[in-house]
C-alpha atoms as a PDB file:
ATOM      1  CA  MET A   1       0.344   0.098   0.041  1.00  0.00           C
ATOM      2  CA  PHE A   2       1.342   3.310  -0.861  1.00  0.00           C
ATOM      3  CA  SER A   3       0.028   6.171   1.277  1.00  0.00           C
ATOM      4  CA  LEU A   4       1.165   9.890   2.206  1.00  0.00           C
ATOM      5  CA  ASN A   5       0.057  11.460   5.257  1.00  0.00           C
ATOM      6  CA  GLY A   6      -2.221   8.620   6.160  1.00  0.00           C
ATOM      7  CA  LYS A   7      -4.170   8.820   2.999  1.00  0.00           C
ATOM      8  CA  THR A   8      -4.140   5.921   0.766  1.00  0.00           C
ATOM      9  CA  LEU A   9      -2.904   6.491  -2.708  1.00  0.00           C
ATOM     10  CA  ALA A  10      -2.438   3.074  -4.168  1.00  0.00           C
ATOM     11  CA  GLN A  11      -2.077  -0.587  -3.366  1.00  0.00           C
ATOM     12  CA  ALA A  12      -0.132  -3.090  -5.132  1.00  0.00           C
ATOM     13  CA  ASP A  13       1.325  -6.580  -4.481  1.00  0.00           C
ATOM     14  CA  ILE A  14       5.090  -5.770  -5.762  1.00  0.00           C
ATOM     15  CA  GLN A  15       8.240  -7.281  -4.422  1.00  0.00           C
ATOM     16  CA  ASP A  16      10.893  -4.897  -2.520  1.00  0.00           C
ATOM     17  CA  ASP A  17      13.252  -5.623  -5.266  1.00  0.00           C
ATOM     18  CA  SER A  18      10.959  -4.342  -7.708  1.00  0.00           C
ATOM     19  CA  VAL A  19      10.317  -1.139  -6.138  1.00  0.00           C
ATOM     20  CA  ARG A  20      14.257  -0.605  -5.794  1.00  0.00           C
ATOM     21  CA  LYS A  21      14.323  -0.702  -9.741  1.00  0.00           C
ATOM     22  CA  LEU A  22      11.946   2.233 -10.176  1.00  0.00           C
ATOM     23  CA  THR A  23      13.767   5.004 -12.010  1.00  0.00           C
ATOM     24  CA  ARG A  24      11.887   7.984 -10.698  1.00  0.00           C
ATOM     25  CA  LEU A  25      10.855   7.054  -6.978  1.00  0.00           C
ATOM     26  CA  PRO A  26       8.806   9.576  -5.265  1.00  0.00           C
ATOM     27  CA  GLU A  27      10.799  11.347  -2.395  1.00  0.00           C
ATOM     28  CA  GLU A  28       8.277  10.056   0.142  1.00  0.00           C
ATOM     29  CA  TYR A  29       9.594   6.253  -0.187  1.00  0.00           C
ATOM     30  CA  VAL A  30      13.104   6.916  -0.382  1.00  0.00           C
ATOM     31  CA  SER A  31      13.202   6.941   3.565  1.00  0.00           C
ATOM     32  CA  PHE A  32      11.294   3.928   3.715  1.00  0.00           C
ATOM     33  CA  LEU A  33      13.525   2.194   1.399  1.00  0.00           C
ATOM     34  CA  GLU A  34      16.728   2.966   3.583  1.00  0.00           C
ATOM     35  CA  MET A  35      15.065   1.668   6.637  1.00  0.00           C
ATOM     36  CA  LYS A  36      14.218  -1.423   4.587  1.00  0.00           C
ATOM     37  CA  GLU A  37      17.909  -1.866   3.437  1.00  0.00           C
ATOM     38  CA  LYS A  38      19.121  -1.257   7.140  1.00  0.00           C
ATOM     39  CA  ASP A  39      17.031  -4.062   8.179  1.00  0.00           C
ATOM     40  CA  ASP A  40      17.914  -6.423   5.519  1.00  0.00           C
ATOM     41  CA  SER A  41      21.732  -5.890   5.961  1.00  0.00           C
ATOM     42  CA  ASN A  42      21.030  -6.906   9.550  1.00  0.00           C
ATOM     43  CA  ARG A  43      19.535 -10.249   8.242  1.00  0.00           C
ATOM     44  CA  SER A  44      22.648 -10.976   5.836  1.00  0.00           C
ATOM     45  CA  GLY A  45      25.536 -12.930   6.453  1.00  0.00           C
ATOM     46  CA  MET A  46      24.518 -15.361   9.147  1.00  0.00           C
ATOM     47  CA  VAL A  47      25.199 -18.754   9.886  1.00  0.00           C
ATOM     48  CA  SER A  48      21.958 -20.685  10.352  1.00  0.00           C
ATOM     49  CA  GLN A  49      20.058 -23.878  10.500  1.00  0.00           C
ATOM     50  CA  ILE A  50      17.693 -25.132   7.964  1.00  0.00           C
ATOM     51  CA  GLY A  51      14.789 -24.976  10.283  1.00  0.00           C
ATOM     52  CA  ASN A  52      15.434 -21.131  10.922  1.00  0.00           C
ATOM     53  CA  LEU A  53      15.403 -20.067   7.175  1.00  0.00           C
ATOM     54  CA  GLN A  54      12.566 -17.621   5.977  1.00  0.00           C
ATOM     55  CA  PHE A  55      11.619 -16.170   2.747  1.00  0.00           C
ATOM     56  CA  GLY A  56      13.667 -13.146   1.945  1.00  0.00           C
ATOM     57  CA  LEU A  57      17.043 -14.188   4.121  1.00  0.00           C
ATOM     58  CA  ARG A  58      19.752 -13.413   2.020  1.00  0.00           C
ATOM     59  CA  GLY A  59      23.671 -14.124   2.667  1.00  0.00           C
ATOM     60  CA  VAL A  60      22.849 -17.497   4.645  1.00  0.00           C
ATOM     61  CA  SER A  61      25.368 -19.829   5.406  1.00  0.00           C
ATOM     62  CA  PHE A  62      25.306 -23.592   6.927  1.00  0.00           C
ATOM     63  CA  LYS A  63      26.425 -27.079   6.430  1.00  0.00           C
ATOM     64  CA  ALA A  64      23.975 -29.905   5.669  1.00  0.00           C
ATOM     65  CA  HIS A  65      23.594 -33.347   4.049  1.00  0.00           C
ATOM     66  CA  VAL A  66      22.177 -34.056   0.764  1.00  0.00           C
ATOM     67  CA  LEU A  67      19.294 -35.978   1.233  1.00  0.00           C
ATOM     68  CA  LYS A  68      17.947 -36.574  -2.327  1.00  0.00           C
ATOM     69  CA  LYS A  69      18.725 -35.602  -5.871  1.00  0.00           C
ATOM     70  CA  SER A  70      16.451 -35.691  -8.482  1.00  0.00           C
ATOM     71  CA  ALA A  71      17.045 -36.477 -12.390  1.00  0.00           C
ATOM     72  CA  VAL A  72      18.685 -33.851 -14.479  1.00  0.00           C
ATOM     73  CA  ARG A  73      16.358 -32.014 -16.798  1.00  0.00           C
ATOM     74  CA  ALA A  74      17.018 -29.614 -19.604  1.00  0.00           C
ATOM     75  CA  VAL A  75      15.224 -25.923 -19.549  1.00  0.00           C
ATOM     76  CA  THR A  76      15.545 -23.030 -21.752  1.00  0.00           C
ATOM     77  CA  SER A  77      16.400 -19.596 -20.269  1.00  0.00           C
ATOM     78  CA  ARG A  78      14.162 -16.562 -21.158  1.00  0.00           C
ATOM     79  CA  ASP A  79      17.100 -15.537 -23.477  1.00  0.00           C
ATOM     80  CA  GLY A  80      16.815 -19.015 -25.276  1.00  0.00           C
ATOM     81  CA  ALA A  81      19.860 -20.661 -23.857  1.00  0.00           C
ATOM     82  CA  ALA A  82      19.706 -24.164 -22.955  1.00  0.00           C
ATOM     83  CA  LEU A  83      20.464 -25.154 -19.292  1.00  0.00           C
ATOM     84  CA  LEU A  84      20.541 -28.404 -17.237  1.00  0.00           C
ATOM     85  CA  VAL A  85      19.084 -28.037 -13.540  1.00  0.00           C
ATOM     86  CA  CYS A  86      18.796 -30.463 -10.725  1.00  0.00           C
ATOM     87  CA  ASP A  87      17.004 -30.386  -7.433  1.00  0.00           C
ATOM     88  CA  VAL A  88      18.540 -31.336  -4.563  1.00  0.00           C
ATOM     89  CA  THR A  89      17.146 -31.636  -1.068  1.00  0.00           C
ATOM     90  CA  LEU A  90      19.317 -30.431   1.946  1.00  0.00           C
ATOM     91  CA  SER A  91      18.672 -31.681   5.395  1.00  0.00           C
ATOM     92  CA  ASP A  92      20.242 -30.904   8.943  1.00  0.00           C
ATOM     93  CA  ALA A  93      18.948 -31.708  12.399  1.00  0.00           C
ATOM     94  CA  THR A  94      16.417 -28.881  12.026  1.00  0.00           C
ATOM     95  CA  GLY A  95      14.791 -29.607   8.843  1.00  0.00           C
ATOM     96  CA  GLU A  96      15.083 -29.850   5.050  1.00  0.00           C
ATOM     97  CA  ILE A  97      15.024 -27.170   1.897  1.00  0.00           C
ATOM     98  CA  PRO A  98      15.298 -27.794  -1.687  1.00  0.00           C
ATOM     99  CA  LEU A  99      17.965 -26.417  -3.729  1.00  0.00           C
ATOM    100  CA  ALA A 100      18.131 -25.922  -7.560  1.00  0.00           C
ATOM    101  CA  ILE A 101      21.841 -26.488  -8.838  1.00  0.00           C
ATOM    102  CA  TRP A 102      22.721 -25.803 -12.487  1.00  0.00           C
ATOM    103  CA  ASN A 103      25.066 -27.001 -15.354  1.00  0.00           C
ATOM    104  CA  ASN A 104      28.497 -27.882 -14.160  1.00  0.00           C
ATOM    105  CA  GLN A 105      27.350 -27.994 -10.239  1.00  0.00           C
ATOM    106  CA  ILE A 106      25.211 -31.150 -10.942  1.00  0.00           C
ATOM    107  CA  SER A 107      28.117 -33.798 -11.130  1.00  0.00           C
ATOM    108  CA  THR A 108      29.978 -32.408  -8.299  1.00  0.00           C
ATOM    109  CA  VAL A 109      26.978 -33.336  -5.919  1.00  0.00           C
ATOM    110  CA  SER A 110      25.716 -36.652  -4.961  1.00  0.00           C
ATOM    111  CA  GLU A 111      23.481 -38.207  -2.559  1.00  0.00           C
ATOM    112  CA  GLY A 112      24.669 -38.495   0.945  1.00  0.00           C
ATOM    113  CA  ASP A 113      27.268 -35.734   0.580  1.00  0.00           C
ATOM    114  CA  PHE A 114      28.140 -33.142   3.207  1.00  0.00           C
ATOM    115  CA  VAL A 115      28.272 -29.614   1.932  1.00  0.00           C
ATOM    116  CA  GLN A 116      28.930 -26.203   2.928  1.00  0.00           C
ATOM    117  CA  ILE A 117      26.497 -23.496   1.416  1.00  0.00           C
ATOM    118  CA  GLU A 118      27.766 -20.114   1.453  1.00  0.00           C
ATOM    119  CA  ASN A 119      25.985 -16.842   0.531  1.00  0.00           C
ATOM    120  CA  ALA A 120      22.596 -18.229  -0.334  1.00  0.00           C
ATOM    121  CA  ARG A 121      19.242 -16.835  -0.419  1.00  0.00           C
ATOM    122  CA  VAL A 122      15.957 -17.795   0.413  1.00  0.00           C
ATOM    123  CA  ARG A 123      13.295 -17.311  -2.103  1.00  0.00           C
ATOM    124  CA  SER A 124       9.899 -18.730  -3.052  1.00  0.00           C
ATOM    125  CA  TYR A 125       9.271 -20.958  -6.397  1.00  0.00           C
ATOM    126  CA  ARG A 126       5.742 -22.194  -7.296  1.00  0.00           C
ATOM    127  CA  GLY A 127       4.659 -20.861  -3.962  1.00  0.00           C
ATOM    128  CA  LYS A 128       7.150 -23.241  -1.725  1.00  0.00           C
ATOM    129  CA  ILE A 129      10.573 -21.623  -0.166  1.00  0.00           C
ATOM    130  CA  GLN A 130      13.674 -22.967  -1.685  1.00  0.00           C
ATOM    131  CA  LEU A 131      17.556 -22.034  -1.564  1.00  0.00           C
ATOM    132  CA  ALA A 132      19.082 -20.218  -4.279  1.00  0.00           C
ATOM    133  CA  LEU A 133      22.359 -19.455  -5.009  1.00  0.00           C
ATOM    134  CA  GLY A 134      23.289 -16.377  -7.143  1.00  0.00           C
ATOM    135  CA  ARG A 135      25.602 -16.804 -10.193  1.00  0.00           C
ATOM    136  CA  LYS A 136      28.194 -14.409  -8.995  1.00  0.00           C
ATOM    137  CA  MET A 137      28.055 -14.901  -5.225  1.00  0.00           C
ATOM    138  CA  GLY A 138      26.417 -18.260  -3.767  1.00  0.00           C
ATOM    139  CA  VAL A 139      28.743 -21.028  -3.179  1.00  0.00           C
ATOM    140  CA  LEU A 140      28.473 -24.681  -2.954  1.00  0.00           C
ATOM    141  CA  THR A 141      31.282 -26.907  -1.655  1.00  0.00           C
ATOM    142  CA  VAL A 142      31.241 -30.551  -1.098  1.00  0.00           C
ATOM    143  CA  LEU A 143      33.008 -31.220   2.350  1.00  0.00           C
ATOM    144  CA  LYS A 144      32.767 -34.927   2.517  1.00  0.00           C
ATOM    145  CA  ALA A 145      31.639 -37.135  -0.440  1.00  0.00           C
ATOM    146  CA  ALA A 146      29.321 -40.067   0.242  1.00  0.00           C
END
């Protein structure tokens, strides 16, 4: 909801990242975004457990076992490039969470591996939370092979 001095101006379901991309953001909202960024920075760079993960967290790091690994499937990106993707289910003592791994990473992970996840984010895909590793930042390291 967008309001000014208590008066509702508009209402929309827009993700925070989309609002940041607006090129001409009204001055009234600049301070709101600065406060939100401070909150987000407090939530990033944390070592966590799977049971504590919530949608929107960034910079999450933890160790887990690879519980399941799905079959590899081919998908086409928005720009028409062919990609390979595989879903793995990560597990620790507190819970489970899916993670999509792409292309060259697929062959490095097997069921039963003990892995380290660094700088991941928790997002929603088809209504369920999952872990995502960014192309430039997130890291998956196999600590102990099965």
